[in-house]
C-alpha atoms as a PDB file:
ATOM      1  CA  MET A   1     108.596 100.647  -5.510  1.00  0.00           C
ATOM      2  CA  ARG A   2     112.228  99.660  -6.035  1.00  0.00           C
ATOM      3  CA  ASP A   3     114.604  99.251  -3.096  1.00  0.00           C
ATOM      4  CA  GLU A   4     117.958 100.833  -3.928  1.00  0.00           C
ATOM      5  CA  LYS A   5     119.778  99.370  -0.926  1.00  0.00           C
ATOM      6  CA  ARG A   6     122.275  96.573  -1.299  1.00  0.00           C
ATOM      7  CA  LEU A   7     122.019  93.350   0.674  1.00  0.00           C
ATOM      8  CA  SER A   8     124.847  94.451   3.024  1.00  0.00           C
ATOM      9  CA  ASP A   9     122.852  97.567   3.848  1.00  0.00           C
ATOM     10  CA  HIS A  10     119.870  95.470   4.900  1.00  0.00           C
ATOM     11  CA  LEU A  11     122.045  93.172   6.990  1.00  0.00           C
ATOM     12  CA  LYS A  12     123.173  96.151   9.095  1.00  0.00           C
ATOM     13  CA  LEU A  13     119.651  96.995  10.109  1.00  0.00           C
ATOM     14  CA  PRO A  14     119.114  94.363  12.839  1.00  0.00           C
ATOM     15  CA  LEU A  15     122.234  95.448  14.743  1.00  0.00           C
ATOM     16  CA  GLN A  16     121.272  99.099  14.373  1.00  0.00           C
ATOM     17  CA  ARG A  17     117.835  98.269  15.813  1.00  0.00           C
ATOM     18  CA  ILE A  18     119.481  96.651  18.811  1.00  0.00           C
ATOM     19  CA  ASN A  19     121.389  99.851  19.435  1.00  0.00           C
ATOM     20  CA  ASP A  20     118.191 101.854  19.126  1.00  0.00           C
ATOM     21  CA  TYR A  21     116.403  99.554  21.572  1.00  0.00           C
ATOM     22  CA  GLN A  22     119.287  99.997  24.051  1.00  0.00           C
ATOM     23  CA  LEU A  23     118.861 103.702  23.931  1.00  0.00           C
ATOM     24  CA  ILE A  24     115.128 103.493  24.307  1.00  0.00           C
ATOM     25  CA  LEU A  25     115.413 101.172  27.313  1.00  0.00           C
ATOM     26  CA  GLU A  26     118.021 103.478  28.929  1.00  0.00           C
ATOM     27  CA  ASP A  27     115.534 106.380  28.522  1.00  0.00           C
ATOM     28  CA  LEU A  28     112.695 104.280  29.965  1.00  0.00           C
ATOM     29  CA  ILE A  29     114.827 103.300  32.956  1.00  0.00           C
ATOM     30  CA  ASP A  30     115.760 106.953  33.602  1.00  0.00           C
ATOM     31  CA  THR A  31     112.135 107.970  33.363  1.00  0.00           C
ATOM     32  CA  GLN A  32     111.005 105.170  35.673  1.00  0.00           C
ATOM     33  CA  ARG A  33     113.653 106.209  38.247  1.00  0.00           C
ATOM     34  CA  ILE A  34     112.488 109.814  38.108  1.00  0.00           C
ATOM     35  CA  LEU A  35     108.935 108.563  38.745  1.00  0.00           C
ATOM     36  CA  LYS A  36     110.287 106.307  41.512  1.00  0.00           C
ATOM     37  CA  GLU A  37     108.910 103.200  39.865  1.00  0.00           C
ATOM     38  CA  GLU A  38     110.336  99.690  39.540  1.00  0.00           C
ATOM     39  CA  THR A  39     113.070  99.283  36.905  1.00  0.00           C
ATOM     40  CA  SER A  40     114.347  95.727  37.392  1.00  0.00           C
ATOM     41  CA  ASP A  41     112.561  94.238  34.388  1.00  0.00           C
ATOM     42  CA  LEU A  42     113.740  97.070  32.134  1.00  0.00           C
ATOM     43  CA  GLU A  43     117.274  96.664  33.468  1.00  0.00           C
ATOM     44  CA  LYS A  44     117.229  92.907  32.724  1.00  0.00           C
ATOM     45  CA  ALA A  45     116.058  93.656  29.164  1.00  0.00           C
ATOM     46  CA  LEU A  46     118.850  96.204  28.740  1.00  0.00           C
ATOM     47  CA  ASP A  47     121.423  93.779  30.064  1.00  0.00           C
ATOM     48  CA  LEU A  48     120.271  91.213  27.496  1.00  0.00           C
ATOM     49  CA  LEU A  49     120.445  93.693  24.660  1.00  0.00           C
ATOM     50  CA  LEU A  50     123.922  94.789  25.742  1.00  0.00           C
ATOM     51  CA  LEU A  51     125.116  91.175  25.520  1.00  0.00           C
ATOM     52  CA  ILE A  52     123.890  90.543  21.976  1.00  0.00           C
ATOM     53  CA  PRO A  53     126.654  92.375  20.109  1.00  0.00           C
ATOM     54  CA  GLN A  54     129.300  90.579  22.185  1.00  0.00           C
ATOM     55  CA  LYS A  55     127.660  87.204  21.574  1.00  0.00           C
ATOM     56  CA  VAL A  56     127.629  87.879  17.856  1.00  0.00           C
ATOM     57  CA  SER A  57     131.342  88.725  17.995  1.00  0.00           C
ATOM     58  CA  ASP A  58     132.023  85.587  20.020  1.00  0.00           C
ATOM     59  CA  LYS A  59     130.141  83.496  17.463  1.00  0.00           C
ATOM     60  CA  LYS A  60     132.323  84.878  14.667  1.00  0.00           C
ATOM     61  CA  PHE A  61     135.451  83.793  16.549  1.00  0.00           C
ATOM     62  CA  LEU A  62     134.031  80.326  17.267  1.00  0.00           C
ATOM     63  CA  ASN A  63     133.166  79.894  13.589  1.00  0.00           C
ATOM     64  CA  ASN A  64     136.811  80.686  12.747  1.00  0.00           C
ATOM     65  CA  ILE A  65     138.238  77.910  14.912  1.00  0.00           C
ATOM     66  CA  GLU A  66     139.617  75.412  12.406  1.00  0.00           C
ATOM     67  CA  GLY A  67     140.718  71.850  12.881  1.00  0.00           C
ATOM     68  CA  PHE A  68     138.613  71.077  15.941  1.00  0.00           C
ATOM     69  CA  HIS A  69     136.580  67.903  15.414  1.00  0.00           C
ATOM     70  CA  GLY A  70     133.773  68.349  17.863  1.00  0.00           C
ATOM     71  CA  ASN A  71     131.200  70.803  19.123  1.00  0.00           C
ATOM     72  CA  VAL A  72     133.033  73.970  20.131  1.00  0.00           C
ATOM     73  CA  PHE A  73     130.004  74.956  22.288  1.00  0.00           C
ATOM     74  CA  HIS A  74     130.885  72.109  24.665  1.00  0.00           C
ATOM     75  CA  LEU A  75     134.208  73.815  25.460  1.00  0.00           C
ATOM     76  CA  GLY A  76     132.575  76.554  27.523  1.00  0.00           C
ATOM     77  CA  ARG A  77     132.427  80.319  27.172  1.00  0.00           C
ATOM     78  CA  LEU A  78     134.865  81.974  24.793  1.00  0.00           C
ATOM     79  CA  LEU A  79     137.576  84.085  26.428  1.00  0.00           C
ATOM     80  CA  ARG A  80     139.239  86.616  24.221  1.00  0.00           C
ATOM     81  CA  HIS A  81     142.624  88.095  24.856  1.00  0.00           C
ATOM     82  CA  VAL A  82     143.127  91.471  23.312  1.00  0.00           C
ATOM     83  CA  SER A  83     146.681  92.220  22.283  1.00  0.00           C
ATOM     84  CA  ILE A  84     147.797  95.818  22.918  1.00  0.00           C
END
């Protein structure tokens, strides 16, 4: 069977899966709350999944820092200023 998708189409899949997992976890949390059961582990998992797209974006910006001769990860967390 031949795959008609391009490489760029396949590279989108992991991020799409993360979004799907976020929705699934949100539904599970809602269901657990209705059943009056513990949700803290599910909420931690959701928080982690919500951070991943931001971390990927931060990594892109860090990779674009030019002229720094050292480990940019030793500088601390990236702070982005959005111009309006």
